[in-house]
Amino acid sequence: MLIAWFCGEWWLRWGSPRVLTYSIVGLVLGPGLHWIDPVAIPQGRYITDFAMGLALFEIGFRLNPVWLARNRWVIVTSVGESIATYVAVLGCGIAANLSLLQSSILASLCVATSPISVLRVTRDAQSSGQVTNLILTMSALNSLAAILLFKGSVGIGLHSTSDNNIPLRGAVLFIVLSSIGLAILAAMAFAVVRKWIVMPQDSVAFTIALYVGCVTFAADWARLSPALATIVLGIAFRALDIKITGKYQDFGSFGRFGTIFLYLYVSAGISFLAAWQGLYLGLFVVLVRAATKIGMCTFMSKPLGATTRKGFLAGLGLMPVSVFGLIVLEQANQLGMPRFGIFPQFASIALCLEILGPLATSLAIRWSGEHLD
């Protein structure tokens, strides 16, 4: 982690996003030199869930229901882009002789845009503007759509299988609704406590990080969806108009520690052998996914009130997916849901987008001119 932190700060001088450097260090020290073995870190998944929970909460909190109600074309564009991406990747999987279930799960994961990647890249660039707002808003909507599509695809698979040893068959809808309910109740409880306690500004980030961590681990303990619970928690905070003062972004040292660990842990867990086995389909899916997202955002640029160029850049900024997809896939596996044989294909996608994703977002922001020099 110290090596990754040093390299990230060093290469930031040259315009390289920190998370890109963390991923490269993880790939080199993990599957490259075998210095990092994620299996030997039993608490690793709890830290990664915690770090992803903080990012999902923040990206959910950025969704302003009032603003979205006035800008319905953002929702329409996100839904259209998500459906187009899902259908395109689904077709790629079927053409590659994957089963309909395998193709559906792979397509649902590819719908997502990694929220932690776009958050950290925009934070490094200190960017603000229309393209940045579109990337952040659509990444939140995409992640929410991906979780629901993934749970739905897994639910169909568990329902159709004849293996009686697979748990949670037919209970995926219960998991989704319970995760949403847990998040809403947690937000309401925080709103009540917030009226009783005067919170100093210097303790806001610490308190919220602990609270998000509690919700994350509560969802994990109850065998629900930590990813869905935390993103809905952020949305509920905003919907309930819970006033959060102070700088909660990055969540201080908690957030930075979690981010470095998350990227090292996930990158070190990527198997070069598995990625090689799914290389051809993985590369094809990366190209199709990029063309679909960029194409839909460019096509819908006028209804969004943006220029064609800004629509193109917004689509380019939605490329990151690997960290989020691998975490969601692993969380489902921990719940007893199998990976359905798509890990080699998604490992190839992750290996490509682990590097190209943050780089694409960084280039989109720089080309838009919204970064702080």
Protein backbone atom coordinates (compact mmCIF):
# COMPACT_ATOMS: atom_id res chain seq x y z
CA MET A 1 0.00 0.00 0.00
CA LEU A 2 2.89 2.34 0.73
CA ILE A 3 4.40 1.60 -2.70
CA ALA A 4 1.02 2.18 -4.37
CA TRP A 5 0.49 5.44 -2.48
CA PHE A 6 3.96 6.74 -3.40
CA CYS A 7 3.55 5.83 -7.07
CA GLY A 8 0.07 7.35 -7.17
CA GLU A 9 1.26 10.68 -5.77
CA TRP A 10 4.30 10.68 -8.05
CA TRP A 11 2.45 9.97 -11.29
CA LEU A 12 -0.35 12.40 -10.39
CA ARG A 13 2.15 15.13 -11.23
CA TRP A 14 2.11 13.91 -14.82
CA GLY A 15 -1.67 13.82 -15.06
CA SER A 16 -2.14 10.11 -14.31
CA PRO A 17 -5.17 9.31 -12.09
CA ARG A 18 -4.23 7.79 -8.75
CA VAL A 19 -6.55 4.81 -9.18
CA LEU A 20 -4.90 3.95 -12.50
CA THR A 21 -1.53 3.81 -10.77
CA TYR A 22 -2.95 1.71 -7.91
CA SER A 23 -4.31 -0.79 -10.45
CA ILE A 24 -1.00 -1.06 -12.29
CA VAL A 25 0.90 -1.57 -9.02
CA GLY A 26 -1.61 -4.24 -7.98
CA LEU A 27 -1.24 -6.06 -11.30
CA VAL A 28 2.55 -5.94 -11.11
CA LEU A 29 2.86 -7.00 -7.47
CA GLY A 30 -0.02 -9.47 -7.61
CA PRO A 31 -0.32 -11.74 -10.65
CA GLY A 32 2.95 -10.34 -12.02
CA LEU A 33 5.46 -10.88 -9.20
CA HIS A 34 3.16 -12.84 -6.83
CA TRP A 35 4.03 -10.56 -3.90
CA ILE A 36 0.36 -10.06 -3.02
CA ASP A 37 -1.99 -12.96 -2.43
CA PRO A 38 -5.58 -11.79 -1.75
CA VAL A 39 -6.49 -15.25 -0.44
CA ALA A 40 -3.98 -14.75 2.38
CA ILE A 41 -5.86 -11.63 3.57
CA PRO A 42 -8.99 -13.07 5.24
CA GLN A 43 -10.32 -9.63 6.19
CA GLY A 44 -9.76 -8.29 2.70
CA ARG A 45 -13.32 -8.59 1.46
CA TYR A 46 -14.65 -6.64 4.45
CA ILE A 47 -12.31 -3.74 3.70
CA THR A 48 -13.20 -3.80 -0.01
CA ASP A 49 -16.92 -3.88 0.80
CA PHE A 50 -16.41 -0.94 3.17
CA ALA A 51 -14.46 1.08 0.59
CA MET A 52 -17.00 0.36 -2.14
CA GLY A 53 -19.81 1.23 0.28
CA LEU A 54 -18.35 4.69 0.90
CA ALA A 55 -18.09 5.34 -2.84
CA LEU A 56 -21.60 4.07 -3.56
CA PHE A 57 -23.01 6.19 -0.73
CA GLU A 58 -21.34 9.30 -2.09
CA ILE A 59 -22.42 8.64 -5.67
CA GLY A 60 -25.97 7.99 -4.44
CA PHE A 61 -25.96 11.17 -2.37
CA ARG A 62 -25.10 13.12 -5.50
CA LEU A 63 -28.40 12.06 -7.09
CA ASN A 64 -30.74 14.97 -6.50
CA PRO A 65 -34.34 13.77 -7.04
CA VAL A 66 -35.57 17.35 -7.56
CA TRP A 67 -32.89 18.04 -10.18
CA LEU A 68 -33.59 14.73 -11.93
CA ALA A 69 -37.30 15.52 -12.00
CA ARG A 70 -36.51 18.74 -13.88
CA ASN A 71 -33.99 17.00 -16.15
CA ARG A 72 -35.89 13.86 -17.13
CA TRP A 73 -33.80 13.38 -20.25
CA VAL A 74 -30.86 12.39 -18.06
CA ILE A 75 -32.90 9.47 -16.74
CA VAL A 76 -34.16 8.65 -20.24
CA THR A 77 -30.62 8.70 -21.60
CA SER A 78 -29.30 6.55 -18.78
CA VAL A 79 -32.10 3.99 -19.14
CA GLY A 80 -31.70 3.91 -22.92
CA GLU A 81 -27.93 3.58 -22.68
CA SER A 82 -28.21 0.83 -20.05
CA ILE A 83 -30.71 -1.16 -22.15
CA ALA A 84 -28.62 -0.71 -25.31
CA THR A 85 -25.45 -1.83 -23.51
CA TYR A 86 -27.23 -4.81 -21.98
CA VAL A 87 -28.67 -5.94 -25.33
CA ALA A 88 -25.37 -5.42 -27.18
CA VAL A 89 -23.28 -7.40 -24.69
CA LEU A 90 -26.02 -10.04 -24.45
CA GLY A 91 -25.75 -10.51 -28.20
CA CYS A 92 -21.96 -10.79 -27.95
CA GLY A 93 -22.25 -13.53 -25.35
CA ILE A 94 -24.81 -15.51 -27.33
CA ALA A 95 -22.69 -15.17 -30.48
CA ALA A 96 -19.72 -16.56 -28.51
CA ASN A 97 -21.76 -19.67 -27.58
CA LEU A 98 -22.37 -18.66 -23.98
CA SER A 99 -25.72 -19.69 -22.55
CA LEU A 100 -28.52 -17.14 -22.30
CA LEU A 101 -28.04 -17.01 -18.51
CA GLN A 102 -24.27 -16.51 -18.76
CA SER A 103 -24.71 -13.82 -21.40
CA SER A 104 -27.36 -12.06 -19.30
CA ILE A 105 -25.16 -11.94 -16.19
CA LEU A 106 -22.15 -10.73 -18.19
CA ALA A 107 -24.31 -8.06 -19.86
CA SER A 108 -25.72 -6.84 -16.54
CA LEU A 109 -22.21 -6.35 -15.13
CA CYS A 110 -21.13 -4.44 -18.23
CA VAL A 111 -24.01 -1.98 -17.82
CA ALA A 112 -22.33 -0.53 -14.71
CA THR A 113 -19.85 2.29 -14.52
CA SER A 114 -17.50 1.94 -11.57
CA PRO A 115 -18.53 4.76 -9.21
CA ILE A 116 -15.34 4.73 -7.18
CA SER A 117 -13.25 5.17 -10.36
CA VAL A 118 -15.15 8.17 -11.69
CA LEU A 119 -15.29 9.74 -8.23
CA ARG A 120 -11.55 9.48 -7.67
CA VAL A 121 -10.64 10.57 -11.21
CA THR A 122 -12.89 13.65 -11.05
CA ARG A 123 -11.56 14.40 -7.57
CA ASP A 124 -7.94 14.20 -8.77
CA ALA A 125 -8.73 16.54 -11.66
CA GLN A 126 -10.81 18.82 -9.37
CA SER A 127 -13.25 19.03 -12.26
CA SER A 128 -16.69 20.60 -12.40
CA GLY A 129 -19.03 21.30 -15.27
CA GLN A 130 -21.65 19.71 -17.48
CA VAL A 131 -19.57 16.74 -18.64
CA THR A 132 -18.41 15.97 -15.10
CA ASN A 133 -21.97 16.15 -13.76
CA LEU A 134 -23.26 13.88 -16.54
CA ILE A 135 -20.54 11.32 -15.88
CA LEU A 136 -21.17 11.26 -12.12
CA THR A 137 -24.98 11.21 -12.42
CA MET A 138 -25.09 8.54 -15.11
CA SER A 139 -22.53 6.39 -13.32
CA ALA A 140 -24.85 6.35 -10.29
CA LEU A 141 -27.89 5.48 -12.40
CA ASN A 142 -25.91 2.87 -14.36
CA SER A 143 -24.66 1.22 -11.17
CA LEU A 144 -28.18 1.06 -9.76
CA ALA A 145 -29.50 -0.43 -13.02
CA ALA A 146 -26.62 -2.94 -13.15
CA ILE A 147 -27.28 -4.18 -9.61
CA LEU A 148 -30.98 -4.71 -10.35
CA LEU A 149 -30.26 -6.43 -13.68
CA PHE A 150 -27.61 -8.63 -12.06
CA LYS A 151 -29.91 -9.66 -9.22
CA GLY A 152 -32.68 -10.36 -11.72
CA SER A 153 -30.42 -12.46 -13.94
CA VAL A 154 -29.10 -14.43 -10.97
CA GLY A 155 -32.64 -14.92 -9.68
CA ILE A 156 -33.72 -16.43 -12.99
CA GLY A 157 -30.69 -18.70 -12.91
CA LEU A 158 -31.30 -19.88 -9.37
CA HIS A 159 -34.96 -20.45 -10.11
CA SER A 160 -34.33 -22.46 -13.27
CA THR A 161 -31.54 -24.68 -11.94
CA SER A 162 -32.29 -28.12 -10.58
CA ASP A 163 -29.46 -28.07 -8.05
CA ASN A 164 -31.11 -28.12 -4.62
CA ASN A 165 -27.87 -27.13 -2.89
CA ILE A 166 -27.95 -23.59 -4.23
CA PRO A 167 -29.30 -21.28 -1.48
CA LEU A 168 -31.56 -18.28 -1.90
CA ARG A 169 -33.45 -19.73 -4.86
CA GLY A 170 -36.47 -17.58 -5.56
CA ALA A 171 -35.41 -15.12 -2.84
CA VAL A 172 -33.56 -12.57 -4.98
CA LEU A 173 -36.58 -10.25 -4.99
CA PHE A 174 -36.60 -10.49 -1.20
CA ILE A 175 -32.89 -9.57 -1.15
CA VAL A 176 -33.47 -6.53 -3.36
CA LEU A 177 -36.48 -5.25 -1.42
CA SER A 178 -34.87 -5.95 1.96
CA SER A 179 -31.67 -4.14 0.95
CA ILE A 180 -33.68 -1.10 -0.14
CA GLY A 181 -35.77 -1.25 3.04
CA LEU A 182 -32.67 -1.49 5.24
CA ALA A 183 -31.17 1.58 3.57
CA ILE A 184 -34.34 3.65 3.91
CA LEU A 185 -34.80 2.72 7.57
CA ALA A 186 -31.15 3.49 8.28
CA ALA A 187 -31.48 6.91 6.62
CA MET A 188 -34.63 7.68 8.62
CA ALA A 189 -32.91 6.65 11.86
CA PHE A 190 -29.94 8.89 11.06
CA ALA A 191 -32.29 11.80 10.35
CA VAL A 192 -33.89 11.38 13.79
CA VAL A 193 -30.57 11.10 15.62
CA ARG A 194 -29.15 14.04 13.64
CA LYS A 195 -31.82 16.31 15.19
CA TRP A 196 -30.74 15.28 18.68
CA ILE A 197 -26.98 15.57 18.25
CA VAL A 198 -25.01 18.63 17.22
CA MET A 199 -22.21 17.23 15.09
CA PRO A 200 -18.96 19.24 14.86
CA GLN A 201 -17.81 19.79 11.30
CA ASP A 202 -14.48 18.05 11.88
CA SER A 203 -16.27 14.83 12.86
CA VAL A 204 -18.79 14.67 9.99
CA ALA A 205 -16.65 12.54 7.67
CA PHE A 206 -15.70 10.17 10.48
CA THR A 207 -19.29 9.75 11.68
CA ILE A 208 -20.78 9.19 8.23
CA ALA A 209 -18.03 6.74 7.31
CA LEU A 210 -18.77 4.70 10.44
CA TYR A 211 -22.50 4.81 9.74
CA VAL A 212 -22.06 3.69 6.12
CA GLY A 213 -19.77 0.93 7.37
CA CYS A 214 -22.42 -0.24 9.82
CA VAL A 215 -25.04 -0.40 7.06
CA THR A 216 -22.60 -2.23 4.77
CA PHE A 217 -21.76 -4.87 7.37
CA ALA A 218 -25.39 -5.16 8.47
CA ALA A 219 -26.39 -5.94 4.88
CA ASP A 220 -23.54 -8.44 4.61
CA TRP A 221 -24.46 -10.10 7.92
CA ALA A 222 -28.11 -10.36 6.86
CA ARG A 223 -26.99 -11.85 3.52
CA LEU A 224 -28.45 -8.93 1.59
CA SER A 225 -26.76 -6.75 -1.05
CA PRO A 226 -24.24 -4.31 0.49
CA ALA A 227 -23.82 -2.54 -2.87
CA LEU A 228 -27.53 -1.90 -3.32
CA ALA A 229 -28.02 -0.94 0.33
CA THR A 230 -25.27 1.70 0.34
CA ILE A 231 -26.22 3.38 -2.94
CA VAL A 232 -29.87 3.57 -1.83
CA LEU A 233 -28.67 4.92 1.53
CA GLY A 234 -27.03 7.84 -0.26
CA ILE A 235 -30.14 8.47 -2.34
CA ALA A 236 -32.31 8.34 0.80
CA PHE A 237 -30.05 10.83 2.59
CA ARG A 238 -30.54 13.27 -0.27
CA ALA A 239 -34.28 12.60 -0.57
CA LEU A 240 -34.80 13.16 3.16
CA ASP A 241 -32.86 16.43 2.86
CA ILE A 242 -30.42 15.42 5.58
CA LYS A 243 -28.05 18.34 5.93
CA ILE A 244 -24.43 17.26 5.83
CA THR A 245 -21.98 19.99 6.64
CA GLY A 246 -18.24 19.80 6.33
CA LYS A 247 -16.16 18.02 3.75
CA TYR A 248 -17.40 14.44 3.64
CA GLN A 249 -15.76 13.84 0.23
CA ASP A 250 -13.14 11.10 0.32
CA PHE A 251 -14.17 10.44 3.95
CA GLY A 252 -10.73 11.47 5.13
CA SER A 253 -8.17 8.81 5.88
CA PHE A 254 -10.89 6.13 5.88
CA GLY A 255 -11.64 6.76 2.23
CA ARG A 256 -8.04 6.97 1.08
CA PHE A 257 -7.01 3.83 2.92
CA GLY A 258 -10.01 1.96 1.54
CA THR A 259 -9.40 3.14 -2.03
CA ILE A 260 -5.77 2.03 -2.10
CA PHE A 261 -6.58 -1.32 -0.51
CA LEU A 262 -9.55 -1.87 -2.83
CA TYR A 263 -7.59 -1.40 -6.05
CA LEU A 264 -4.62 -3.42 -4.85
CA TYR A 265 -6.84 -6.24 -3.61
CA VAL A 266 -8.97 -6.43 -6.76
CA SER A 267 -6.06 -6.04 -9.18
CA ALA A 268 -3.99 -8.66 -7.38
CA GLY A 269 -6.92 -11.08 -7.62
CA ILE A 270 -7.12 -10.94 -11.42
CA SER A 271 -5.78 -14.11 -12.99
CA PHE A 272 -3.73 -13.63 -16.16
CA LEU A 273 -4.54 -17.23 -17.11
CA ALA A 274 -8.29 -16.68 -16.72
CA ALA A 275 -8.04 -13.40 -18.63
CA TRP A 276 -6.19 -15.16 -21.45
CA GLN A 277 -8.88 -17.84 -21.66
CA GLY A 278 -11.58 -15.22 -22.20
CA LEU A 279 -9.42 -12.79 -24.16
CA TYR A 280 -11.21 -12.72 -27.52
CA LEU A 281 -14.71 -12.30 -26.14
CA GLY A 282 -13.44 -9.88 -23.48
CA LEU A 283 -11.80 -7.55 -26.01
CA PHE A 284 -14.83 -7.69 -28.27
CA VAL A 285 -17.18 -6.86 -25.39
CA VAL A 286 -14.96 -3.92 -24.35
CA LEU A 287 -15.18 -2.46 -27.87
CA VAL A 288 -18.93 -3.07 -28.19
CA ARG A 289 -19.61 -1.64 -24.73
CA ALA A 290 -17.55 1.47 -25.48
CA ALA A 291 -19.24 2.02 -28.85
CA THR A 292 -22.71 1.62 -27.30
CA LYS A 293 -22.19 3.97 -24.37
CA ILE A 294 -20.44 6.63 -26.44
CA GLY A 295 -22.94 6.28 -29.27
CA MET A 296 -26.03 6.59 -27.06
CA CYS A 297 -24.67 9.59 -25.12
CA THR A 298 -23.66 11.31 -28.37
CA PHE A 299 -27.04 10.59 -29.95
CA MET A 300 -28.91 11.96 -26.91
CA SER A 301 -26.68 15.01 -26.47
CA LYS A 302 -29.25 17.49 -27.86
CA PRO A 303 -32.12 16.41 -25.52
CA LEU A 304 -29.61 16.60 -22.67
CA GLY A 305 -28.93 20.22 -23.55
CA ALA A 306 -25.30 19.48 -24.40
CA THR A 307 -23.27 19.71 -27.58
CA THR A 308 -22.44 16.61 -29.58
CA ARG A 309 -18.86 16.86 -28.40
CA LYS A 310 -19.88 16.96 -24.74
CA GLY A 311 -22.21 13.99 -25.28
CA PHE A 312 -19.30 12.06 -26.79
CA LEU A 313 -17.03 12.97 -23.87
CA ALA A 314 -19.69 11.99 -21.32
CA GLY A 315 -19.98 8.56 -22.94
CA LEU A 316 -16.20 8.21 -22.98
CA GLY A 317 -16.10 8.98 -19.27
CA LEU A 318 -18.42 6.05 -18.49
CA MET A 319 -15.82 3.41 -19.39
CA PRO A 320 -14.65 2.21 -15.91
CA VAL A 321 -16.39 -0.97 -14.72
CA SER A 322 -13.85 -3.55 -13.55
CA VAL A 323 -13.62 -2.87 -9.80
CA PHE A 324 -17.37 -2.51 -9.35
CA GLY A 325 -18.20 -5.57 -11.44
CA LEU A 326 -15.70 -7.82 -9.69
CA ILE A 327 -16.90 -6.74 -6.24
CA VAL A 328 -20.56 -7.35 -7.14
CA LEU A 329 -19.65 -10.73 -8.65
CA GLU A 330 -17.69 -11.68 -5.54
CA GLN A 331 -20.45 -10.51 -3.18
CA ALA A 332 -22.92 -12.73 -5.02
CA ASN A 333 -20.49 -15.64 -4.80
CA GLN A 334 -20.18 -15.11 -1.02
CA LEU A 335 -23.97 -15.35 -0.75
CA GLY A 336 -23.78 -18.82 -2.28
CA MET A 337 -24.64 -17.71 -5.80
CA PRO A 338 -22.26 -19.24 -8.35
CA ARG A 339 -20.35 -17.24 -10.94
CA PHE A 340 -22.07 -19.26 -13.71
CA GLY A 341 -18.81 -19.74 -15.62
CA ILE A 342 -18.34 -16.15 -16.78
CA PHE A 343 -15.30 -15.31 -14.64
CA PRO A 344 -12.71 -15.82 -17.45
CA GLN A 345 -14.61 -13.51 -19.78
CA PHE A 346 -15.12 -10.84 -17.15
CA ALA A 347 -11.48 -11.18 -16.03
CA SER A 348 -10.41 -10.14 -19.53
CA ILE A 349 -12.81 -7.20 -19.47
CA ALA A 350 -11.54 -6.23 -16.00
CA LEU A 351 -7.91 -6.47 -17.06
CA CYS A 352 -8.51 -4.11 -19.99
CA LEU A 353 -10.74 -1.61 -18.22
CA GLU A 354 -8.68 -1.65 -15.03
CA ILE A 355 -6.25 0.50 -17.01
CA LEU A 356 -8.24 1.91 -19.93
CA GLY A 357 -11.32 2.86 -17.85
CA PRO A 358 -9.81 5.51 -15.53
CA LEU A 359 -7.62 6.72 -18.40
CA ALA A 360 -10.70 7.25 -20.60
CA THR A 361 -12.48 9.19 -17.84
CA SER A 362 -9.39 11.33 -17.26
CA LEU A 363 -9.08 12.10 -20.98
CA ALA A 364 -12.79 12.96 -21.22
CA ILE A 365 -12.48 15.47 -18.40
CA ARG A 366 -9.31 17.02 -19.78
CA TRP A 367 -10.70 17.30 -23.30
CA SER A 368 -13.83 18.95 -21.89
CA GLY A 369 -11.66 21.61 -20.27
CA GLU A 370 -13.42 21.18 -16.92
CA HIS A 371 -10.34 20.18 -14.93
CA LEU A 372 -8.46 22.53 -12.65
CA ASP A 373 -5.00 23.36 -14.00
